[in-house]
C-alpha atoms as a PDB file:
ATOM      1  CA  MET A   1     308.492 144.563  64.633  1.00  0.00           C
ATOM      2  CA  SER A   2     306.727 143.645  67.585  1.00  0.00           C
ATOM      3  CA  GLU A   3     302.935 144.579  68.133  1.00  0.00           C
ATOM      4  CA  LYS A   4     303.867 147.349  70.980  1.00  0.00           C
ATOM      5  CA  THR A   5     306.069 149.214  68.257  1.00  0.00           C
ATOM      6  CA  ARG A   6     303.934 148.652  65.160  1.00  0.00           C
ATOM      7  CA  PRO A   7     301.546 151.656  64.040  1.00  0.00           C
ATOM      8  CA  LEU A   8     298.376 151.332  64.676  1.00  0.00           C
ATOM      9  CA  ARG A   9     296.527 151.285  61.110  1.00  0.00           C
ATOM     10  CA  THR A  10     294.290 154.302  60.277  1.00  0.00           C
ATOM     11  CA  ASP A  11     291.140 152.490  61.663  1.00  0.00           C
ATOM     12  CA  ALA A  12     292.868 151.392  64.559  1.00  0.00           C
ATOM     13  CA  ARG A  13     293.813 154.632  65.462  1.00  0.00           C
ATOM     14  CA  ARG A  14     290.514 155.981  64.999  1.00  0.00           C
ATOM     15  CA  ASN A  15     289.176 153.933  66.976  1.00  0.00           C
ATOM     16  CA  ARG A  16     291.526 154.192  69.922  1.00  0.00           C
ATOM     17  CA  GLU A  17     290.876 157.875  69.907  1.00  0.00           C
ATOM     18  CA  ARG A  18     286.824 157.567  69.974  1.00  0.00           C
ATOM     19  CA  VAL A  19     287.472 154.812  72.988  1.00  0.00           C
ATOM     20  CA  LEU A  20     289.845 157.879  74.753  1.00  0.00           C
ATOM     21  CA  SER A  21     286.786 160.663  73.803  1.00  0.00           C
ATOM     22  CA  ALA A  22     284.167 158.455  74.849  1.00  0.00           C
ATOM     23  CA  ALA A  23     286.279 157.304  77.934  1.00  0.00           C
ATOM     24  CA  GLU A  24     286.419 161.054  79.210  1.00  0.00           C
ATOM     25  CA  ALA A  25     282.908 161.840  78.727  1.00  0.00           C
ATOM     26  CA  VAL A  26     281.495 158.679  80.815  1.00  0.00           C
ATOM     27  CA  LEU A  27     284.127 159.480  83.457  1.00  0.00           C
ATOM     28  CA  ALA A  28     283.139 163.082  83.485  1.00  0.00           C
ATOM     29  CA  ARG A  29     279.390 161.687  83.784  1.00  0.00           C
ATOM     30  CA  GLU A  30     279.580 158.297  86.094  1.00  0.00           C
ATOM     31  CA  GLY A  31     283.059 158.465  87.772  1.00  0.00           C
ATOM     32  CA  SER A  32     284.394 155.520  89.308  1.00  0.00           C
ATOM     33  CA  ALA A  33     281.582 153.728  88.753  1.00  0.00           C
ATOM     34  CA  ALA A  34     282.288 154.132  84.519  1.00  0.00           C
ATOM     35  CA  SER A  35     282.189 150.737  82.922  1.00  0.00           C
ATOM     36  CA  MET A  36     283.871 149.072  80.306  1.00  0.00           C
ATOM     37  CA  ARG A  37     280.393 148.641  78.616  1.00  0.00           C
ATOM     38  CA  ALA A  38     279.220 152.147  78.855  1.00  0.00           C
ATOM     39  CA  VAL A  39     282.327 153.499  77.087  1.00  0.00           C
ATOM     40  CA  ALA A  40     281.815 150.826  74.417  1.00  0.00           C
ATOM     41  CA  GLU A  41     278.360 152.206  74.016  1.00  0.00           C
ATOM     42  CA  ALA A  42     279.595 155.772  73.953  1.00  0.00           C
ATOM     43  CA  ALA A  43     282.518 155.224  71.336  1.00  0.00           C
ATOM     44  CA  GLY A  44     280.006 152.876  68.957  1.00  0.00           C
ATOM     45  CA  VAL A  45     282.651 150.078  69.297  1.00  0.00           C
ATOM     46  CA  GLY A  46     282.581 146.590  70.916  1.00  0.00           C
ATOM     47  CA  LEU A  47     284.109 145.427  74.462  1.00  0.00           C
ATOM     48  CA  GLY A  48     286.791 143.378  72.150  1.00  0.00           C
ATOM     49  CA  THR A  49     287.578 146.580  70.641  1.00  0.00           C
ATOM     50  CA  ILE A  50     288.497 148.756  73.880  1.00  0.00           C
ATOM     51  CA  TYR A  51     290.306 145.350  75.806  1.00  0.00           C
ATOM     52  CA  ARG A  52     292.627 145.421  72.407  1.00  0.00           C
ATOM     53  CA  HIS A  53     293.788 148.671  73.474  1.00  0.00           C
ATOM     54  CA  PHE A  54     293.406 148.759  76.950  1.00  0.00           C
ATOM     55  CA  PRO A  55     293.371 145.580  78.856  1.00  0.00           C
ATOM     56  CA  THR A  56     291.828 147.235  81.921  1.00  0.00           C
ATOM     57  CA  ARG A  57     289.478 149.918  83.479  1.00  0.00           C
ATOM     58  CA  GLU A  58     292.769 151.014  84.861  1.00  0.00           C
ATOM     59  CA  ALA A  59     294.652 151.164  81.780  1.00  0.00           C
ATOM     60  CA  LEU A  60     291.915 152.737  79.677  1.00  0.00           C
ATOM     61  CA  PHE A  61     291.457 155.464  82.450  1.00  0.00           C
ATOM     62  CA  ALA A  62     295.578 156.252  82.580  1.00  0.00           C
ATOM     63  CA  ALA A  63     295.558 156.422  78.982  1.00  0.00           C
ATOM     64  CA  VAL A  64     292.553 159.360  79.282  1.00  0.00           C
ATOM     65  CA  MET A  65     294.658 160.976  82.024  1.00  0.00           C
ATOM     66  CA  SER A  66     297.708 160.878  80.214  1.00  0.00           C
ATOM     67  CA  THR A  67     296.632 161.948  76.608  1.00  0.00           C
ATOM     68  CA  ARG A  68     294.973 164.932  78.172  1.00  0.00           C
ATOM     69  CA  MET A  69     297.769 165.978  79.856  1.00  0.00           C
ATOM     70  CA  LEU A  70     300.169 165.456  76.793  1.00  0.00           C
ATOM     71  CA  GLN A  71     297.587 167.834  75.080  1.00  0.00           C
ATOM     72  CA  LEU A  72     298.333 170.668  77.338  1.00  0.00           C
ATOM     73  CA  ALA A  73     301.462 170.216  76.821  1.00  0.00           C
ATOM     74  CA  GLU A  74     301.178 170.137  73.085  1.00  0.00           C
ATOM     75  CA  LEU A  75     299.617 173.203  73.905  1.00  0.00           C
ATOM     76  CA  SER A  76     302.294 175.235  75.485  1.00  0.00           C
ATOM     77  CA  GLY A  77     304.799 174.188  72.496  1.00  0.00           C
ATOM     78  CA  GLU A  78     302.574 175.651  70.046  1.00  0.00           C
ATOM     79  CA  LEU A  79     301.917 179.165  72.887  1.00  0.00           C
ATOM     80  CA  SER A  80     305.942 179.248  73.424  1.00  0.00           C
ATOM     81  CA  GLU A  81     306.150 180.890  69.676  1.00  0.00           C
ATOM     82  CA  ALA A  82     303.667 183.700  70.965  1.00  0.00           C
ATOM     83  CA  ALA A  83     304.838 187.036  70.886  1.00  0.00           C
ATOM     84  CA  ASP A  84     303.762 187.814  73.739  1.00  0.00           C
ATOM     85  CA  ALA A  85     305.270 185.690  76.576  1.00  0.00           C
ATOM     86  CA  GLY A  86     302.950 186.872  79.726  1.00  0.00           C
ATOM     87  CA  ALA A  87     299.571 186.070  77.297  1.00  0.00           C
ATOM     88  CA  ALA A  88     300.862 182.974  76.708  1.00  0.00           C
ATOM     89  CA  PHE A  89     301.496 181.577  79.932  1.00  0.00           C
ATOM     90  CA  PHE A  90     298.203 183.168  81.314  1.00  0.00           C
ATOM     91  CA  GLU A  91     296.439 181.435  78.336  1.00  0.00           C
ATOM     92  CA  PHE A  92     298.124 177.826  79.134  1.00  0.00           C
ATOM     93  CA  PHE A  93     297.114 178.090  83.214  1.00  0.00           C
ATOM     94  CA  THR A  94     293.917 179.154  82.421  1.00  0.00           C
ATOM     95  CA  ALA A  95     293.419 176.223  79.898  1.00  0.00           C
ATOM     96  CA  VAL A  96     295.117 173.603  82.535  1.00  0.00           C
ATOM     97  CA  VAL A  97     291.890 175.106  84.809  1.00  0.00           C
ATOM     98  CA  ASP A  98     289.404 174.576  82.089  1.00  0.00           C
ATOM     99  CA  ASN A  99     290.584 171.404  82.155  1.00  0.00           C
ATOM    100  CA  ALA A 100     290.493 170.826  85.745  1.00  0.00           C
ATOM    101  CA  GLY A 101     286.947 168.714  85.888  1.00  0.00           C
ATOM    102  CA  ARG A 102     287.818 166.277  83.285  1.00  0.00           C
ATOM    103  CA  MET A 103     291.159 165.363  84.788  1.00  0.00           C
ATOM    104  CA  ARG A 104     289.460 165.510  88.403  1.00  0.00           C
ATOM    105  CA  ALA A 105     287.146 162.698  87.273  1.00  0.00           C
ATOM    106  CA  VAL A 106     289.561 160.729  85.847  1.00  0.00           C
ATOM    107  CA  ALA A 107     292.061 160.764  88.869  1.00  0.00           C
ATOM    108  CA  ASP A 108     289.448 160.111  91.096  1.00  0.00           C
ATOM    109  CA  ALA A 109     288.807 156.716  89.154  1.00  0.00           C
ATOM    110  CA  LEU A 110     292.457 155.883  89.064  1.00  0.00           C
ATOM    111  CA  ALA A 111     292.606 156.541  93.326  1.00  0.00           C
ATOM    112  CA  ASP A 112     289.257 154.318  93.797  1.00  0.00           C
ATOM    113  CA  ALA A 113     290.618 151.511  91.753  1.00  0.00           C
ATOM    114  CA  GLY A 114     293.718 151.725  93.891  1.00  0.00           C
ATOM    115  CA  VAL A 115     296.108 152.981  90.946  1.00  0.00           C
ATOM    116  CA  ASP A 116     298.694 155.957  92.396  1.00  0.00           C
ATOM    117  CA  VAL A 117     299.272 157.885  89.292  1.00  0.00           C
ATOM    118  CA  LYS A 118     302.587 159.060  90.901  1.00  0.00           C
ATOM    119  CA  THR A 119     304.162 155.567  91.156  1.00  0.00           C
ATOM    120  CA  ASP A 120     301.964 153.465  89.512  1.00  0.00           C
ATOM    121  CA  SER A 121     301.887 154.745  85.574  1.00  0.00           C
ATOM    122  CA  SER A 122     304.750 155.179  83.787  1.00  0.00           C
ATOM    123  CA  ASP A 123     302.678 157.179  81.035  1.00  0.00           C
ATOM    124  CA  VAL A 124     300.648 159.221  83.453  1.00  0.00           C
ATOM    125  CA  SER A 125     303.669 160.224  85.379  1.00  0.00           C
ATOM    126  CA  GLY A 126     305.557 161.114  82.538  1.00  0.00           C
ATOM    127  CA  ALA A 127     302.415 163.301  80.807  1.00  0.00           C
ATOM    128  CA  ALA A 128     302.531 164.898  84.322  1.00  0.00           C
ATOM    129  CA  ALA A 129     306.159 165.552  83.858  1.00  0.00           C
ATOM    130  CA  ALA A 130     306.092 166.893  80.577  1.00  0.00           C
ATOM    131  CA  LEU A 131     303.128 169.385  81.756  1.00  0.00           C
ATOM    132  CA  ARG A 132     305.191 170.168  84.766  1.00  0.00           C
ATOM    133  CA  THR A 133     308.046 171.261  82.252  1.00  0.00           C
ATOM    134  CA  ALA A 134     305.562 172.869  79.886  1.00  0.00           C
ATOM    135  CA  LEU A 135     304.480 175.570  82.803  1.00  0.00           C
ATOM    136  CA  GLY A 136     307.918 176.122  84.000  1.00  0.00           C
ATOM    137  CA  THR A 137     308.615 177.011  80.291  1.00  0.00           C
ATOM    138  CA  LEU A 138     306.065 179.541  79.555  1.00  0.00           C
ATOM    139  CA  LEU A 139     306.495 180.897  83.192  1.00  0.00           C
ATOM    140  CA  GLU A 140     310.698 181.185  82.443  1.00  0.00           C
ATOM    141  CA  ARG A 141     310.054 182.687  79.029  1.00  0.00           C
ATOM    142  CA  ALA A 142     307.333 184.775  80.373  1.00  0.00           C
ATOM    143  CA  ARG A 143     309.838 186.316  83.169  1.00  0.00           C
ATOM    144  CA  GLN A 144     312.214 187.183  80.664  1.00  0.00           C
ATOM    145  CA  HIS A 145     310.531 189.060  78.935  1.00  0.00           C
ATOM    146  CA  GLY A 146     309.122 191.226  82.023  1.00  0.00           C
ATOM    147  CA  ARG A 147     305.677 190.190  81.718  1.00  0.00           C
ATOM    148  CA  LEU A 148     305.457 187.797  85.399  1.00  0.00           C
ATOM    149  CA  ARG A 149     306.782 189.500  88.523  1.00  0.00           C
ATOM    150  CA  PRO A 150     310.571 188.042  88.746  1.00  0.00           C
ATOM    151  CA  ASP A 151     310.145 186.165  92.158  1.00  0.00           C
ATOM    152  CA  LEU A 152     307.130 183.479  90.833  1.00  0.00           C
ATOM    153  CA  HIS A 153     308.929 180.242  90.554  1.00  0.00           C
ATOM    154  CA  LEU A 154     307.577 177.146  89.194  1.00  0.00           C
ATOM    155  CA  PRO A 155     306.442 175.251  93.095  1.00  0.00           C
ATOM    156  CA  GLU A 156     304.439 178.442  93.546  1.00  0.00           C
ATOM    157  CA  ALA A 157     302.889 178.657  89.900  1.00  0.00           C
ATOM    158  CA  LEU A 158     301.943 174.643  90.645  1.00  0.00           C
ATOM    159  CA  ALA A 159     300.456 175.108  93.817  1.00  0.00           C
ATOM    160  CA  LEU A 160     298.136 177.796  93.009  1.00  0.00           C
ATOM    161  CA  LEU A 161     297.387 176.159  89.666  1.00  0.00           C
ATOM    162  CA  ALA A 162     296.332 173.080  91.699  1.00  0.00           C
ATOM    163  CA  ALA A 163     294.461 175.080  93.795  1.00  0.00           C
ATOM    164  CA  MET A 164     292.281 176.985  91.198  1.00  0.00           C
ATOM    165  CA  CYS A 165     292.033 173.620  89.542  1.00  0.00           C
ATOM    166  CA  LEU A 166     290.486 172.349  92.659  1.00  0.00           C
ATOM    167  CA  ALA A 167     288.220 175.316  92.930  1.00  0.00           C
ATOM    168  CA  ALA A 168     286.988 175.232  89.319  1.00  0.00           C
ATOM    169  CA  GLU A 169     286.459 171.360  90.027  1.00  0.00           C
ATOM    170  CA  ARG A 170     284.741 171.712  93.147  1.00  0.00           C
ATOM    171  CA  HIS A 171     282.083 174.982  92.944  1.00  0.00           C
ATOM    172  CA  GLN A 172     281.601 173.777  88.983  1.00  0.00           C
ATOM    173  CA  TRP A 173     282.162 177.344  88.099  1.00  0.00           C
ATOM    174  CA  ASP A 174     280.601 179.132  85.391  1.00  0.00           C
ATOM    175  CA  PRO A 175     282.893 181.421  83.027  1.00  0.00           C
ATOM    176  CA  ALA A 176     282.427 184.548  84.619  1.00  0.00           C
ATOM    177  CA  PRO A 177     283.670 183.937  88.288  1.00  0.00           C
ATOM    178  CA  ARG A 178     286.232 181.606  86.972  1.00  0.00           C
ATOM    179  CA  ASP A 179     287.438 184.495  84.644  1.00  0.00           C
ATOM    180  CA  ARG A 180     287.020 186.825  87.481  1.00  0.00           C
ATOM    181  CA  ALA A 181     289.138 184.434  90.006  1.00  0.00           C
ATOM    182  CA  LEU A 182     291.950 183.882  87.337  1.00  0.00           C
ATOM    183  CA  ALA A 183     292.348 187.807  86.745  1.00  0.00           C
ATOM    184  CA  ILE A 184     292.649 188.385  90.355  1.00  0.00           C
ATOM    185  CA  LEU A 185     294.931 185.528  90.248  1.00  0.00           C
ATOM    186  CA  PHE A 186     297.141 186.954  87.412  1.00  0.00           C
ATOM    187  CA  ASP A 187     297.118 190.410  88.928  1.00  0.00           C
ATOM    188  CA  GLY A 188     299.241 188.972  91.883  1.00  0.00           C
ATOM    189  CA  PHE A 189     301.353 187.625  89.028  1.00  0.00           C
ATOM    190  CA  ARG A 190     302.134 190.598  87.191  1.00  0.00           C
ATOM    191  CA  PRO A 191     305.641 192.539  87.610  1.00  0.00           C
ATOM    192  CA  ARG A 192     305.036 195.600  90.180  1.00  0.00           C
END
């Protein structure tokens, strides 16, 4: 079994998760200036531990981005079983908006490093595709149950999701204005 396919030991997996969590926090705080040393200190591990899992800063940042997107895609899987398909769609949409600031910090750091996540990282582009598919599945199910207007399609939903994420991140919305903006948007999504 190769090193890449061998499952991580429990302690190594735990360290990897700590590094990813710390990297996300450091990126949110420091942006593209985030260093591997700052991540190691925040995670309580040595630099060698980080480099064993992630050979470059870019690889670490890409792993943070893909992990966050895959977590959101997993949430959609859980929500796809909900009895109320409309509520599931809106909950997922809200969760993505809530994660906008963290994902923007990572995307900006990758862009500053010259990495185009659409072309350079199969993990990130695969996670983005999983996120799009997840949204599409929830949207289709909610439409089939009559909870969304029939003319709302994935490209429009993605564009509106991107706009809400950008607004939430740029304006650093508190929950109240974010919730009002989402309520107005969701009202437009509902059938008339």
